[in-house]
PDB file of N, CA and C in Angstrom:
ATOM      1  N   MET A   1      81.164  75.692  64.153  1.00  0.00           N
ATOM      2  CA  MET A   1      80.859  77.068  64.525  1.00  0.00           C
ATOM      3  C   MET A   1      82.134  77.909  64.407  1.00  0.00           C
ATOM      4  N   ALA A   2      82.005  79.037  63.765  1.00  0.00           N
ATOM      5  CA  ALA A   2      83.157  79.917  63.545  1.00  0.00           C
ATOM      6  C   ALA A   2      83.556  80.619  64.838  1.00  0.00           C
ATOM      7  N   THR A   3      84.839  80.696  65.038  1.00  0.00           N
ATOM      8  CA  THR A   3      85.351  81.397  66.213  1.00  0.00           C
ATOM      9  C   THR A   3      85.435  82.892  65.919  1.00  0.00           C
ATOM     10  N   ALA A   4      85.641  83.672  66.960  1.00  0.00           N
ATOM     11  CA  ALA A   4      85.786  85.120  66.784  1.00  0.00           C
ATOM     12  C   ALA A   4      86.985  85.427  65.900  1.00  0.00           C
ATOM     13  N   LYS A   5      88.063  84.657  66.048  1.00  0.00           N
ATOM     14  CA  LYS A   5      89.265  84.870  65.239  1.00  0.00           C
ATOM     15  C   LYS A   5      88.965  84.591  63.765  1.00  0.00           C
ATOM     16  N   THR A   6      88.220  83.530  63.493  1.00  0.00           N
ATOM     17  CA  THR A   6      87.852  83.187  62.114  1.00  0.00           C
ATOM     18  C   THR A   6      86.993  84.284  61.504  1.00  0.00           C
ATOM     19  N   LYS A   7      86.039  84.767  62.250  1.00  0.00           N
ATOM     20  CA  LYS A   7      85.174  85.849  61.750  1.00  0.00           C
ATOM     21  C   LYS A   7      85.988  87.112  61.467  1.00  0.00           C
ATOM     22  N   LYS A   8      86.929  87.419  62.363  1.00  0.00           N
ATOM     23  CA  LYS A   8      87.781  88.594  62.192  1.00  0.00           C
ATOM     24  C   LYS A   8      88.648  88.443  60.943  1.00  0.00           C
ATOM     25  N   ASN A   9      89.220  87.264  60.757  1.00  0.00           N
ATOM     26  CA  ASN A   9      90.059  87.015  59.588  1.00  0.00           C
ATOM     27  C   ASN A   9      89.252  87.102  58.295  1.00  0.00           C
ATOM     28  N   LYS A  10      88.044  86.556  58.300  1.00  0.00           N
ATOM     29  CA  LYS A  10      87.190  86.609  57.112  1.00  0.00           C
ATOM     30  C   LYS A  10      86.843  88.055  56.781  1.00  0.00           C
ATOM     31  N   LEU A  11      86.487  88.819  57.763  1.00  0.00           N
ATOM     32  CA  LEU A  11      86.164  90.226  57.553  1.00  0.00           C
ATOM     33  C   LEU A  11      87.379  90.989  57.020  1.00  0.00           C
ATOM     34  N   SER A  12      88.544  90.691  57.551  1.00  0.00           N
ATOM     35  CA  SER A  12      89.771  91.327  57.086  1.00  0.00           C
ATOM     36  C   SER A  12      90.041  90.995  55.625  1.00  0.00           C
ATOM     37  N   LEU A  13      89.889  89.734  55.247  1.00  0.00           N
ATOM     38  CA  LEU A  13      90.086  89.323  53.851  1.00  0.00           C
ATOM     39  C   LEU A  13      89.067  89.991  52.928  1.00  0.00           C
ATOM     40  N   GLU A  14      87.813  90.032  53.350  1.00  0.00           N
ATOM     41  CA  GLU A  14      86.763  90.653  52.536  1.00  0.00           C
ATOM     42  C   GLU A  14      87.027  92.144  52.345  1.00  0.00           C
ATOM     43  N   ASN A  15      87.390  92.818  53.424  1.00  0.00           N
ATOM     44  CA  ASN A  15      87.661  94.254  53.343  1.00  0.00           C
ATOM     45  C   ASN A  15      88.865  94.556  52.457  1.00  0.00           C
ATOM     46  N   ALA A  16      89.912  93.747  52.591  1.00  0.00           N
ATOM     47  CA  ALA A  16      91.115  93.955  51.778  1.00  0.00           C
ATOM     48  C   ALA A  16      90.794  93.763  50.299  1.00  0.00           C
ATOM     49  N   LYS A  17      90.037  92.718  49.981  1.00  0.00           N
ATOM     50  CA  LYS A  17      89.692  92.454  48.584  1.00  0.00           C
ATOM     51  C   LYS A  17      88.830  93.583  48.017  1.00  0.00           C
ATOM     52  N   GLN A  18      87.854  94.003  48.772  1.00  0.00           N
ATOM     53  CA  GLN A  18      86.975  95.083  48.322  1.00  0.00           C
ATOM     54  C   GLN A  18      87.776  96.362  48.067  1.00  0.00           C
ATOM     55  N   LYS A  19      88.679  96.687  48.974  1.00  0.00           N
ATOM     56  CA  LYS A  19      89.489  97.900  48.835  1.00  0.00           C
ATOM     57  C   LYS A  19      90.406  97.802  47.612  1.00  0.00           C
ATOM     58  N   LEU A  20      91.080  96.669  47.448  1.00  0.00           N
ATOM     59  CA  LEU A  20      91.966  96.492  46.293  1.00  0.00           C
ATOM     60  C   LEU A  20      91.183  96.523  44.979  1.00  0.00           C
ATOM     61  N   ASP A  21      90.058  95.815  44.937  1.00  0.00           N
ATOM     62  CA  ASP A  21      89.226  95.811  43.730  1.00  0.00           C
ATOM     63  C   ASP A  21      88.841  97.237  43.345  1.00  0.00           C
ATOM     64  N   SER A  22      88.443  98.010  44.331  1.00  0.00           N
ATOM     65  CA  SER A  22      87.996  99.377  44.095  1.00  0.00           C
ATOM     66  C   SER A  22      89.155 100.284  43.667  1.00  0.00           C
ATOM     67  N   GLN A  23      90.251 100.241  44.397  1.00  0.00           N
ATOM     68  CA  GLN A  23      91.374 101.134  44.114  1.00  0.00           C
ATOM     69  C   GLN A  23      92.066 100.815  42.791  1.00  0.00           C
ATOM     70  N   LEU A  24      92.105  99.533  42.440  1.00  0.00           N
ATOM     71  CA  LEU A  24      92.787  99.132  41.216  1.00  0.00           C
ATOM     72  C   LEU A  24      91.826  98.958  40.035  1.00  0.00           C
ATOM     73  N   ASN A  25      90.537  99.087  40.318  1.00  0.00           N
ATOM     74  CA  ASN A  25      89.495  98.954  39.304  1.00  0.00           C
ATOM     75  C   ASN A  25      89.608  97.623  38.557  1.00  0.00           C
ATOM     76  N   GLN A  26      89.845  96.552  39.304  1.00  0.00           N
ATOM     77  CA  GLN A  26      89.894  95.201  38.760  1.00  0.00           C
ATOM     78  C   GLN A  26      89.467  94.204  39.828  1.00  0.00           C
ATOM     79  N   ASP A  27      89.152  93.008  39.375  1.00  0.00           N
ATOM     80  CA  ASP A  27      88.778  91.931  40.286  1.00  0.00           C
ATOM     81  C   ASP A  27      90.052  91.191  40.692  1.00  0.00           C
ATOM     82  N   ILE A  28      90.526  91.459  41.898  1.00  0.00           N
ATOM     83  CA  ILE A  28      91.738  90.816  42.403  1.00  0.00           C
ATOM     84  C   ILE A  28      91.395  89.366  42.744  1.00  0.00           C
ATOM     85  N   GLN A  29      92.189  88.441  42.217  1.00  0.00           N
ATOM     86  CA  GLN A  29      91.881  87.027  42.414  1.00  0.00           C
ATOM     87  C   GLN A  29      92.979  86.243  43.104  1.00  0.00           C
ATOM     88  N   VAL A  30      94.082  86.876  43.409  1.00  0.00           N
ATOM     89  CA  VAL A  30      95.180  86.164  44.063  1.00  0.00           C
ATOM     90  C   VAL A  30      95.508  86.824  45.392  1.00  0.00           C
ATOM     91  N   ILE A  31      96.156  86.069  46.230  1.00  0.00           N
ATOM     92  CA  ILE A  31      96.525  86.571  47.547  1.00  0.00           C
ATOM     93  C   ILE A  31      97.909  86.020  47.893  1.00  0.00           C
ATOM     94  N   ALA A  32      98.686  86.794  48.622  1.00  0.00           N
ATOM     95  CA  ALA A  32      99.998  86.354  49.100  1.00  0.00           C
ATOM     96  C   ALA A  32      99.896  86.128  50.609  1.00  0.00           C
ATOM     97  N   TYR A  33     100.447  85.036  51.047  1.00  0.00           N
ATOM     98  CA  TYR A  33     100.414  84.703  52.461  1.00  0.00           C
ATOM     99  C   TYR A  33     101.677  85.226  53.123  1.00  0.00           C
ATOM    100  N   PRO A  34     101.551  85.985  54.216  1.00  0.00           N
ATOM    101  CA  PRO A  34     102.738  86.514  54.900  1.00  0.00           C
ATOM    102  C   PRO A  34     103.693  85.379  55.281  1.00  0.00           C
ATOM    103  N   ALA A  35     104.924  85.508  54.859  1.00  0.00           N
ATOM    104  CA  ALA A  35     105.980  84.523  55.132  1.00  0.00           C
ATOM    105  C   ALA A  35     105.609  83.135  54.611  1.00  0.00           C
ATOM    106  N   GLY A  36     104.650  83.070  53.679  1.00  0.00           N
ATOM    107  CA  GLY A  36     104.238  81.785  53.124  1.00  0.00           C
ATOM    108  C   GLY A  36     103.498  80.905  54.112  1.00  0.00           C
ATOM    109  N   SER A  37     103.001  81.507  55.166  1.00  0.00           N
ATOM    110  CA  SER A  37     102.367  80.753  56.243  1.00  0.00           C
ATOM    111  C   SER A  37     100.847  80.766  56.130  1.00  0.00           C
ATOM    112  N   TYR A  38     100.257  79.574  56.056  1.00  0.00           N
ATOM    113  CA  TYR A  38      98.801  79.437  56.026  1.00  0.00           C
ATOM    114  C   TYR A  38      98.421  78.034  56.473  1.00  0.00           C
ATOM    115  N   ASP A  39      97.151  77.853  56.795  1.00  0.00           N
ATOM    116  CA  ASP A  39      96.653  76.538  57.175  1.00  0.00           C
ATOM    117  C   ASP A  39      95.371  76.246  56.392  1.00  0.00           C
ATOM    118  N   GLN A  40      94.780  75.103  56.632  1.00  0.00           N
ATOM    119  CA  GLN A  40      93.581  74.695  55.896  1.00  0.00           C
ATOM    120  C   GLN A  40      92.434  75.678  56.109  1.00  0.00           C
ATOM    121  N   GLN A  41      92.285  76.186  57.311  1.00  0.00           N
ATOM    122  CA  GLN A  41      91.220  77.144  57.607  1.00  0.00           C
ATOM    123  C   GLN A  41      91.413  78.428  56.792  1.00  0.00           C
ATOM    124  N   THR A  42      92.647  78.881  56.681  1.00  0.00           N
ATOM    125  CA  THR A  42      92.936  80.075  55.892  1.00  0.00           C
ATOM    126  C   THR A  42      92.569  79.844  54.429  1.00  0.00           C
ATOM    127  N   LEU A  43      92.918  78.682  53.894  1.00  0.00           N
ATOM    128  CA  LEU A  43      92.578  78.366  52.502  1.00  0.00           C
ATOM    129  C   LEU A  43      91.066  78.400  52.272  1.00  0.00           C
ATOM    130  N   GLN A  44      90.313  77.879  53.214  1.00  0.00           N
ATOM    131  CA  GLN A  44      88.848  77.893  53.098  1.00  0.00           C
ATOM    132  C   GLN A  44      88.306  79.321  53.125  1.00  0.00           C
ATOM    133  N   LEU A  45      88.831  80.151  54.013  1.00  0.00           N
ATOM    134  CA  LEU A  45      88.394  81.539  54.097  1.00  0.00           C
ATOM    135  C   LEU A  45      88.698  82.302  52.812  1.00  0.00           C
ATOM    136  N   VAL A  46      89.877  82.074  52.264  1.00  0.00           N
ATOM    137  CA  VAL A  46      90.289  82.747  51.032  1.00  0.00           C
ATOM    138  C   VAL A  46      89.329  82.403  49.895  1.00  0.00           C
ATOM    139  N   LYS A  47      88.960  81.142  49.786  1.00  0.00           N
ATOM    140  CA  LYS A  47      88.021  80.723  48.738  1.00  0.00           C
ATOM    141  C   LYS A  47      86.651  81.359  48.955  1.00  0.00           C
ATOM    142  N   LYS A  48      86.194  81.440  50.190  1.00  0.00           N
ATOM    143  CA  LYS A  48      84.898  82.057  50.493  1.00  0.00           C
ATOM    144  C   LYS A  48      84.879  83.549  50.146  1.00  0.00           C
ATOM    145  N   CYS A  49      86.058  84.160  50.161  1.00  0.00           N
ATOM    146  CA  CYS A  49      86.160  85.595  49.878  1.00  0.00           C
ATOM    147  C   CYS A  49      86.450  85.878  48.399  1.00  0.00           C
ATOM    148  N   ASN A  50      86.292  84.838  47.573  1.00  0.00           N
ATOM    149  CA  ASN A  50      86.419  84.945  46.117  1.00  0.00           C
ATOM    150  C   ASN A  50      87.830  85.194  45.596  1.00  0.00           C
ATOM    151  N   TYR A  51      88.818  84.761  46.356  1.00  0.00           N
ATOM    152  CA  TYR A  51      90.172  84.704  45.824  1.00  0.00           C
ATOM    153  C   TYR A  51      90.340  83.316  45.220  1.00  0.00           C
ATOM    154  N   ASN A  52      91.266  83.152  44.297  1.00  0.00           N
ATOM    155  CA  ASN A  52      91.547  81.820  43.731  1.00  0.00           C
ATOM    156  C   ASN A  52      92.753  81.214  44.377  1.00  0.00           C
TER     157      ASN A  52
END
């Protein structure tokens, strides 16, 4: 079961991708992790949001 934090992070990733895709008129497929910090859950969310 997804936690509130996971849902918030997924929504944030989806919104960021949608905004970038729209503003740049391209399908953004990559993401940069702040300070190179991520975990397995973050990787799963990124894939669900159509980043590579």
